[in-house]
C-alpha cells in the first residue's frame, strides 16, 4: 500500500507574501499529498510545533523577506529539539545561490528558486520520500 505524504507548508517571520506558498500547497495537494498550511507570520517554534502535532513527513518553508539565513536554521533547530530531525526539509523563495548551498549544507534537502515548476517540486518530494521509505523498510528487514 502506498503511503500518503504529509507536508507542512510554512511562512516563517514577517514575510507577508504567500501567493507562492499557496500555489505550491495546492500543487502538492493535486499530486495526492496531504498538505497543512500554517498561514503567515509564524515563528520557528510555532512551525516546529505544528509539524510535531500534524506528524508530517516534509516541512517546506517559503520566504521572500531575505531572512532565510536566520529563520531557516532556527526552524531546523526547533524541529530537532522536538525529535523531528529526520523530517525532509525543503524551502523556496528569493534565496541567492550561495545561501542555498550554505542551507543545504546545514540540512535542507533542497531549495527551489522562483519559477520552479510546481510539478518539479511535487515529483522531487515524491521521489525523495519513496527513497526514504525504501531505506527504512530495508533497515527494518535487516533487523528482523
N, C-alpha and C. Protein backbone atom coordinates (compact mmCIF):
# COMPACT_ATOMS: atom_id res chain seq x y z
N UNK A 1 0.85 -1.19 0.00
CA UNK A 1 0.00 0.00 0.00
C UNK A 1 0.89 1.24 0.00
N UNK A 2 0.57 2.17 -0.84
CA UNK A 2 1.34 3.39 -0.96
C UNK A 2 0.98 4.35 0.18
N UNK A 3 2.01 4.88 0.85
CA UNK A 3 1.79 5.83 1.94
C UNK A 3 1.52 7.21 1.36
N UNK A 4 0.71 7.95 2.09
CA UNK A 4 0.40 9.32 1.69
C UNK A 4 1.41 10.25 2.35
N UNK A 5 1.99 11.14 1.58
CA UNK A 5 2.98 12.07 2.08
C UNK A 5 2.26 13.23 2.76
N UNK A 6 2.71 13.53 3.99
CA UNK A 6 2.14 14.65 4.75
C UNK A 6 3.15 15.80 4.75
N UNK A 7 2.71 16.96 4.24
CA UNK A 7 3.59 18.11 4.07
C UNK A 7 3.05 19.31 4.85
N UNK A 8 3.96 19.98 5.54
CA UNK A 8 3.65 21.26 6.18
C UNK A 8 4.29 22.36 5.34
N UNK A 9 3.48 23.30 4.87
CA UNK A 9 3.98 24.47 4.15
C UNK A 9 3.87 25.64 5.11
N UNK A 10 5.00 26.32 5.33
CA UNK A 10 5.03 27.36 6.35
C UNK A 10 5.70 28.63 5.84
N UNK A 11 5.28 29.76 6.42
CA UNK A 11 5.83 31.08 6.12
C UNK A 11 6.44 31.65 7.40
N UNK A 12 7.74 31.46 7.60
CA UNK A 12 8.36 31.98 8.83
C UNK A 12 8.59 33.49 8.76
N UNK A 13 8.55 34.12 9.91
CA UNK A 13 8.90 35.53 10.00
C UNK A 13 7.81 36.48 9.57
N UNK A 14 8.23 37.66 9.19
CA UNK A 14 7.30 38.75 8.90
C UNK A 14 6.95 38.87 7.43
N UNK A 15 7.43 37.97 6.62
CA UNK A 15 7.13 37.98 5.19
C UNK A 15 5.61 37.88 4.99
N UNK A 16 5.04 38.84 4.30
CA UNK A 16 3.59 38.87 4.12
C UNK A 16 3.11 38.41 2.76
N UNK A 17 3.98 37.84 1.96
CA UNK A 17 3.60 37.41 0.61
C UNK A 17 3.47 35.90 0.58
N UNK A 18 2.26 35.42 0.35
CA UNK A 18 2.06 33.97 0.41
C UNK A 18 1.47 33.34 -0.85
N UNK A 19 1.43 34.08 -1.95
CA UNK A 19 0.87 33.51 -3.18
C UNK A 19 1.64 32.27 -3.61
N UNK A 20 2.97 32.33 -3.58
CA UNK A 20 3.78 31.18 -3.98
C UNK A 20 3.56 29.99 -3.07
N UNK A 21 3.53 30.23 -1.77
CA UNK A 21 3.32 29.14 -0.83
C UNK A 21 1.96 28.48 -1.05
N UNK A 22 0.95 29.29 -1.28
CA UNK A 22 -0.39 28.73 -1.53
C UNK A 22 -0.43 27.96 -2.85
N UNK A 23 0.29 28.45 -3.85
CA UNK A 23 0.34 27.77 -5.15
C UNK A 23 1.03 26.41 -5.00
N UNK A 24 2.15 26.39 -4.29
CA UNK A 24 2.86 25.12 -4.07
C UNK A 24 2.00 24.17 -3.24
N UNK A 25 1.35 24.68 -2.20
CA UNK A 25 0.49 23.83 -1.37
C UNK A 25 -0.61 23.18 -2.21
N UNK A 26 -1.23 23.96 -3.06
CA UNK A 26 -2.29 23.42 -3.92
C UNK A 26 -1.74 22.38 -4.89
N UNK A 27 -0.57 22.63 -5.45
CA UNK A 27 0.03 21.68 -6.38
C UNK A 27 0.38 20.37 -5.69
N UNK A 28 0.91 20.45 -4.47
CA UNK A 28 1.23 19.23 -3.74
C UNK A 28 -0.04 18.44 -3.43
N UNK A 29 -1.09 19.15 -3.07
CA UNK A 29 -2.38 18.50 -2.81
C UNK A 29 -2.88 17.82 -4.09
N UNK A 30 -2.72 18.52 -5.23
CA UNK A 30 -3.15 17.94 -6.51
C UNK A 30 -2.35 16.69 -6.87
N UNK A 31 -1.15 16.57 -6.33
CA UNK A 31 -0.33 15.38 -6.55
C UNK A 31 -0.58 14.30 -5.49
N UNK A 32 -1.64 14.44 -4.71
CA UNK A 32 -2.05 13.40 -3.78
C UNK A 32 -1.45 13.48 -2.39
N UNK A 33 -0.79 14.59 -2.08
CA UNK A 33 -0.21 14.73 -0.75
C UNK A 33 -1.20 15.41 0.18
N UNK A 34 -1.08 15.09 1.47
CA UNK A 34 -1.86 15.81 2.48
C UNK A 34 -1.04 17.04 2.84
N UNK A 35 -1.66 18.22 2.78
CA UNK A 35 -0.93 19.46 3.00
C UNK A 35 -1.58 20.27 4.12
N UNK A 36 -0.74 20.74 5.03
CA UNK A 36 -1.15 21.66 6.09
C UNK A 36 -0.43 22.97 5.80
N UNK A 37 -1.17 24.07 5.73
CA UNK A 37 -0.57 25.38 5.51
C UNK A 37 -0.73 26.20 6.79
N UNK A 38 0.38 26.74 7.29
CA UNK A 38 0.34 27.44 8.56
C UNK A 38 -0.21 28.85 8.48
N UNK A 39 -0.20 29.45 7.31
CA UNK A 39 -0.55 30.86 7.20
C UNK A 39 0.69 31.71 7.43
N UNK A 40 0.48 33.00 7.50
CA UNK A 40 1.59 33.96 7.58
C UNK A 40 2.10 34.17 9.00
N UNK A 41 3.31 34.73 9.06
CA UNK A 41 3.91 35.27 10.29
C UNK A 41 4.07 34.25 11.41
N UNK A 42 4.63 33.11 11.10
CA UNK A 42 4.84 32.07 12.12
C UNK A 42 6.29 32.09 12.60
N UNK A 43 6.47 31.86 13.89
CA UNK A 43 7.80 31.75 14.46
C UNK A 43 8.35 30.35 14.17
N UNK A 44 9.67 30.18 14.23
CA UNK A 44 10.22 28.84 14.07
C UNK A 44 9.63 27.84 15.06
N UNK A 45 9.42 28.26 16.31
CA UNK A 45 8.84 27.36 17.30
C UNK A 45 7.41 26.96 16.93
N UNK A 46 6.64 27.90 16.44
CA UNK A 46 5.26 27.60 16.03
C UNK A 46 5.25 26.58 14.88
N UNK A 47 6.13 26.78 13.92
CA UNK A 47 6.21 25.88 12.76
C UNK A 47 6.57 24.47 13.22
N UNK A 48 7.58 24.37 14.08
CA UNK A 48 8.01 23.05 14.55
C UNK A 48 6.91 22.38 15.37
N UNK A 49 6.19 23.15 16.15
CA UNK A 49 5.11 22.58 16.96
C UNK A 49 4.00 22.02 16.07
N UNK A 50 3.63 22.75 15.03
CA UNK A 50 2.61 22.26 14.10
C UNK A 50 3.12 20.99 13.41
N UNK A 51 4.39 20.99 13.01
CA UNK A 51 4.97 19.81 12.35
C UNK A 51 4.86 18.59 13.27
N UNK A 52 5.13 18.81 14.54
CA UNK A 52 5.04 17.72 15.52
C UNK A 52 3.60 17.26 15.69
N UNK A 53 2.70 18.19 15.87
CA UNK A 53 1.28 17.85 16.09
C UNK A 53 0.67 17.15 14.88
N UNK A 54 1.07 17.57 13.69
CA UNK A 54 0.48 17.02 12.47
C UNK A 54 1.22 15.78 11.95
N UNK A 55 2.34 15.41 12.60
CA UNK A 55 3.11 14.23 12.22
C UNK A 55 3.46 14.24 10.73
N UNK A 56 4.09 15.33 10.30
CA UNK A 56 4.39 15.50 8.88
C UNK A 56 5.68 14.79 8.49
N UNK A 57 5.77 14.47 7.21
CA UNK A 57 6.97 13.87 6.62
C UNK A 57 7.91 14.94 6.08
N UNK A 58 7.32 16.06 5.66
CA UNK A 58 8.06 17.11 4.97
C UNK A 58 7.67 18.46 5.56
N UNK A 59 8.68 19.33 5.74
CA UNK A 59 8.42 20.73 6.08
C UNK A 59 8.98 21.57 4.95
N UNK A 60 8.11 22.37 4.34
CA UNK A 60 8.51 23.26 3.26
C UNK A 60 8.35 24.70 3.72
N UNK A 61 9.45 25.45 3.69
CA UNK A 61 9.43 26.85 4.12
C UNK A 61 9.47 27.75 2.90
N UNK A 62 8.73 28.83 2.95
CA UNK A 62 8.70 29.81 1.87
C UNK A 62 9.05 31.17 2.44
N UNK A 63 10.00 31.84 1.78
CA UNK A 63 10.40 33.15 2.30
C UNK A 63 10.83 34.07 1.16
N UNK A 64 10.40 35.31 1.26
CA UNK A 64 10.78 36.33 0.29
C UNK A 64 11.43 37.53 0.96
N UNK A 65 11.51 37.53 2.27
CA UNK A 65 11.93 38.70 3.02
C UNK A 65 13.44 38.87 3.13
N UNK A 66 14.21 37.86 2.79
CA UNK A 66 15.66 37.94 2.94
C UNK A 66 16.16 37.43 4.27
N UNK A 67 15.29 36.95 5.13
CA UNK A 67 15.70 36.49 6.46
C UNK A 67 15.94 34.98 6.51
N UNK A 68 16.13 34.36 5.37
CA UNK A 68 16.27 32.90 5.30
C UNK A 68 17.47 32.38 6.07
N UNK A 69 18.58 33.10 6.10
CA UNK A 69 19.78 32.61 6.80
C UNK A 69 19.61 32.64 8.31
N UNK A 70 18.66 33.40 8.78
CA UNK A 70 18.36 33.43 10.21
C UNK A 70 17.22 32.46 10.55
N UNK A 71 16.14 32.56 9.79
CA UNK A 71 14.92 31.80 10.14
C UNK A 71 15.00 30.31 9.78
N UNK A 72 15.55 29.97 8.62
CA UNK A 72 15.56 28.56 8.22
C UNK A 72 16.35 27.70 9.22
N UNK A 73 17.57 28.10 9.63
CA UNK A 73 18.28 27.29 10.63
C UNK A 73 17.55 27.22 11.97
N UNK A 74 16.85 28.28 12.33
CA UNK A 74 16.10 28.25 13.58
C UNK A 74 14.95 27.25 13.51
N UNK A 75 14.28 27.16 12.37
CA UNK A 75 13.21 26.16 12.21
C UNK A 75 13.83 24.77 12.32
N UNK A 76 14.96 24.55 11.66
CA UNK A 76 15.62 23.25 11.72
C UNK A 76 15.98 22.89 13.16
N UNK A 77 16.50 23.84 13.91
CA UNK A 77 16.86 23.60 15.32
C UNK A 77 15.63 23.27 16.16
N UNK A 78 14.54 23.97 15.91
CA UNK A 78 13.29 23.70 16.66
C UNK A 78 12.75 22.31 16.32
N UNK A 79 12.86 21.89 15.07
CA UNK A 79 12.43 20.55 14.68
C UNK A 79 13.28 19.50 15.39
N UNK A 80 14.59 19.70 15.40
CA UNK A 80 15.48 18.75 16.05
C UNK A 80 15.20 18.68 17.55
N UNK A 81 14.90 19.81 18.16
CA UNK A 81 14.61 19.84 19.60
C UNK A 81 13.36 19.02 19.93
N UNK A 82 12.50 18.84 18.95
CA UNK A 82 11.27 18.06 19.15
C UNK A 82 11.41 16.63 18.64
N UNK A 83 12.62 16.22 18.30
CA UNK A 83 12.84 14.86 17.81
C UNK A 83 12.44 14.67 16.37
N UNK A 84 12.37 15.75 15.60
CA UNK A 84 11.94 15.68 14.21
C UNK A 84 13.09 15.93 13.23
N UNK A 85 14.28 15.50 13.61
CA UNK A 85 15.44 15.72 12.77
C UNK A 85 15.42 14.97 11.46
N UNK A 86 14.58 13.94 11.36
CA UNK A 86 14.50 13.14 10.13
C UNK A 86 13.48 13.66 9.13
N UNK A 87 12.74 14.71 9.50
CA UNK A 87 11.75 15.28 8.58
C UNK A 87 12.49 15.86 7.38
N UNK A 88 11.97 15.62 6.18
CA UNK A 88 12.55 16.18 4.97
C UNK A 88 12.32 17.68 4.95
N UNK A 89 13.40 18.44 4.91
CA UNK A 89 13.31 19.90 4.94
C UNK A 89 13.59 20.47 3.57
N UNK A 90 12.63 21.25 3.07
CA UNK A 90 12.80 21.93 1.79
C UNK A 90 12.39 23.39 1.96
N UNK A 91 12.73 24.19 0.98
CA UNK A 91 12.35 25.59 1.05
C UNK A 91 12.36 26.22 -0.32
N UNK A 92 11.91 27.45 -0.33
CA UNK A 92 11.90 28.18 -1.58
C UNK A 92 11.67 29.65 -1.36
N UNK A 93 11.87 30.39 -2.42
CA UNK A 93 11.69 31.83 -2.36
C UNK A 93 12.86 32.53 -3.00
N UNK A 94 13.08 33.76 -2.57
CA UNK A 94 14.19 34.56 -3.10
C UNK A 94 15.41 34.29 -2.23
N UNK A 95 16.22 33.33 -2.67
CA UNK A 95 17.40 32.92 -1.91
C UNK A 95 18.59 32.87 -2.87
N UNK A 96 19.62 33.66 -2.63
CA UNK A 96 20.80 33.63 -3.50
C UNK A 96 21.44 32.24 -3.53
N UNK A 97 22.08 31.90 -4.65
CA UNK A 97 22.69 30.57 -4.81
C UNK A 97 23.66 30.22 -3.69
N UNK A 98 24.49 31.19 -3.27
CA UNK A 98 25.46 30.87 -2.22
C UNK A 98 24.77 30.57 -0.89
N UNK A 99 23.64 31.22 -0.64
CA UNK A 99 22.87 30.92 0.57
C UNK A 99 22.19 29.57 0.45
N UNK A 100 21.73 29.23 -0.77
CA UNK A 100 21.13 27.90 -0.98
C UNK A 100 22.15 26.82 -0.64
N UNK A 101 23.37 26.98 -1.12
CA UNK A 101 24.41 25.99 -0.86
C UNK A 101 24.69 25.88 0.63
N UNK A 102 24.75 27.02 1.32
CA UNK A 102 25.02 27.00 2.76
C UNK A 102 23.88 26.31 3.51
N UNK A 103 22.64 26.60 3.15
CA UNK A 103 21.50 25.99 3.84
C UNK A 103 21.42 24.49 3.55
N UNK A 104 21.73 24.10 2.32
CA UNK A 104 21.73 22.67 2.00
C UNK A 104 22.83 21.96 2.80
N UNK A 105 23.93 22.65 3.06
CA UNK A 105 24.99 22.09 3.89
C UNK A 105 24.58 21.97 5.35
N UNK A 106 23.55 22.71 5.75
CA UNK A 106 23.05 22.68 7.13
C UNK A 106 21.84 21.77 7.30
N UNK A 107 21.51 20.99 6.28
CA UNK A 107 20.45 20.01 6.45
C UNK A 107 19.20 20.20 5.63
N UNK A 108 19.13 21.26 4.83
CA UNK A 108 17.99 21.41 3.94
C UNK A 108 18.22 20.53 2.73
N UNK A 109 17.26 19.68 2.42
CA UNK A 109 17.44 18.72 1.33
C UNK A 109 17.48 19.41 -0.02
N UNK A 110 16.65 20.43 -0.20
CA UNK A 110 16.60 21.13 -1.49
C UNK A 110 15.91 22.46 -1.30
N UNK A 111 16.40 23.45 -2.05
CA UNK A 111 15.80 24.78 -2.06
C UNK A 111 15.43 25.11 -3.50
N UNK A 112 14.22 25.57 -3.68
CA UNK A 112 13.69 25.84 -5.01
C UNK A 112 13.61 27.35 -5.23
N UNK A 113 14.05 27.78 -6.39
CA UNK A 113 14.03 29.21 -6.70
C UNK A 113 12.74 29.62 -7.38
N UNK A 114 12.58 30.92 -7.58
CA UNK A 114 11.40 31.44 -8.27
C UNK A 114 11.28 30.83 -9.67
N UNK A 115 10.08 30.52 -10.06
CA UNK A 115 9.84 29.98 -11.39
C UNK A 115 9.98 28.48 -11.50
N UNK A 116 10.33 27.80 -10.42
CA UNK A 116 10.42 26.34 -10.46
C UNK A 116 9.02 25.78 -10.70
N UNK A 117 8.86 24.95 -11.73
CA UNK A 117 7.53 24.36 -11.96
C UNK A 117 7.05 23.57 -10.75
N UNK A 118 5.79 23.74 -10.41
CA UNK A 118 5.26 23.05 -9.24
C UNK A 118 5.30 21.54 -9.40
N UNK A 119 5.18 21.05 -10.64
CA UNK A 119 5.28 19.60 -10.85
C UNK A 119 6.67 19.10 -10.51
N UNK A 120 7.70 19.91 -10.77
CA UNK A 120 9.06 19.52 -10.42
C UNK A 120 9.21 19.40 -8.90
N UNK A 121 8.63 20.34 -8.18
CA UNK A 121 8.69 20.30 -6.72
C UNK A 121 7.98 19.05 -6.20
N UNK A 122 6.76 18.82 -6.68
CA UNK A 122 5.98 17.68 -6.21
C UNK A 122 6.66 16.36 -6.55
N UNK A 123 7.16 16.23 -7.76
CA UNK A 123 7.80 14.98 -8.17
C UNK A 123 9.10 14.75 -7.40
N UNK A 124 9.84 15.82 -7.11
CA UNK A 124 11.07 15.68 -6.34
C UNK A 124 10.75 15.19 -4.93
N UNK A 125 9.77 15.82 -4.28
CA UNK A 125 9.38 15.40 -2.93
C UNK A 125 8.92 13.95 -2.94
N UNK A 126 8.10 13.60 -3.91
CA UNK A 126 7.60 12.22 -4.01
C UNK A 126 8.76 11.23 -4.13
N UNK A 127 9.71 11.55 -5.00
CA UNK A 127 10.86 10.66 -5.19
C UNK A 127 11.70 10.54 -3.93
N UNK A 128 11.95 11.65 -3.27
CA UNK A 128 12.74 11.62 -2.03
C UNK A 128 12.06 10.80 -0.95
N UNK A 129 10.76 10.98 -0.81
CA UNK A 129 10.04 10.23 0.23
C UNK A 129 10.01 8.74 -0.09
N UNK A 130 9.82 8.40 -1.35
CA UNK A 130 9.82 6.98 -1.72
C UNK A 130 11.18 6.35 -1.43
N UNK A 131 12.28 7.06 -1.73
CA UNK A 131 13.61 6.54 -1.43
C UNK A 131 13.81 6.40 0.09
N UNK A 132 13.36 7.39 0.85
CA UNK A 132 13.49 7.35 2.30
C UNK A 132 12.73 6.15 2.87
N UNK A 133 11.49 5.96 2.40
CA UNK A 133 10.69 4.84 2.90
C UNK A 133 11.31 3.50 2.52
N UNK A 134 11.90 3.41 1.33
CA UNK A 134 12.55 2.16 0.92
C UNK A 134 13.76 1.87 1.83
N UNK A 135 14.55 2.91 2.15
CA UNK A 135 15.69 2.73 3.06
C UNK A 135 15.21 2.25 4.43
N UNK A 136 14.13 2.87 4.92
CA UNK A 136 13.59 2.48 6.23
C UNK A 136 13.12 1.03 6.22
N UNK A 137 12.44 0.63 5.12
CA UNK A 137 11.96 -0.76 5.03
C UNK A 137 13.13 -1.72 4.97
N UNK A 138 14.18 -1.36 4.26
CA UNK A 138 15.36 -2.21 4.16
C UNK A 138 16.02 -2.35 5.54
N UNK A 139 16.09 -1.26 6.29
CA UNK A 139 16.67 -1.31 7.64
C UNK A 139 15.83 -2.19 8.55
N UNK A 140 14.51 -2.05 8.45
CA UNK A 140 13.61 -2.89 9.26
C UNK A 140 13.81 -4.35 8.91
N UNK A 141 13.92 -4.65 7.62
CA UNK A 141 14.12 -6.03 7.18
C UNK A 141 15.42 -6.62 7.66
N UNK A 142 16.46 -5.80 7.73
CA UNK A 142 17.77 -6.30 8.18
C UNK A 142 17.79 -6.54 9.69
N UNK A 143 16.88 -5.90 10.43
CA UNK A 143 16.80 -6.09 11.88
C UNK A 143 16.00 -7.34 12.25
N UNK A 144 15.16 -7.79 11.31
CA UNK A 144 14.29 -8.94 11.61
C UNK A 144 15.03 -10.23 11.64
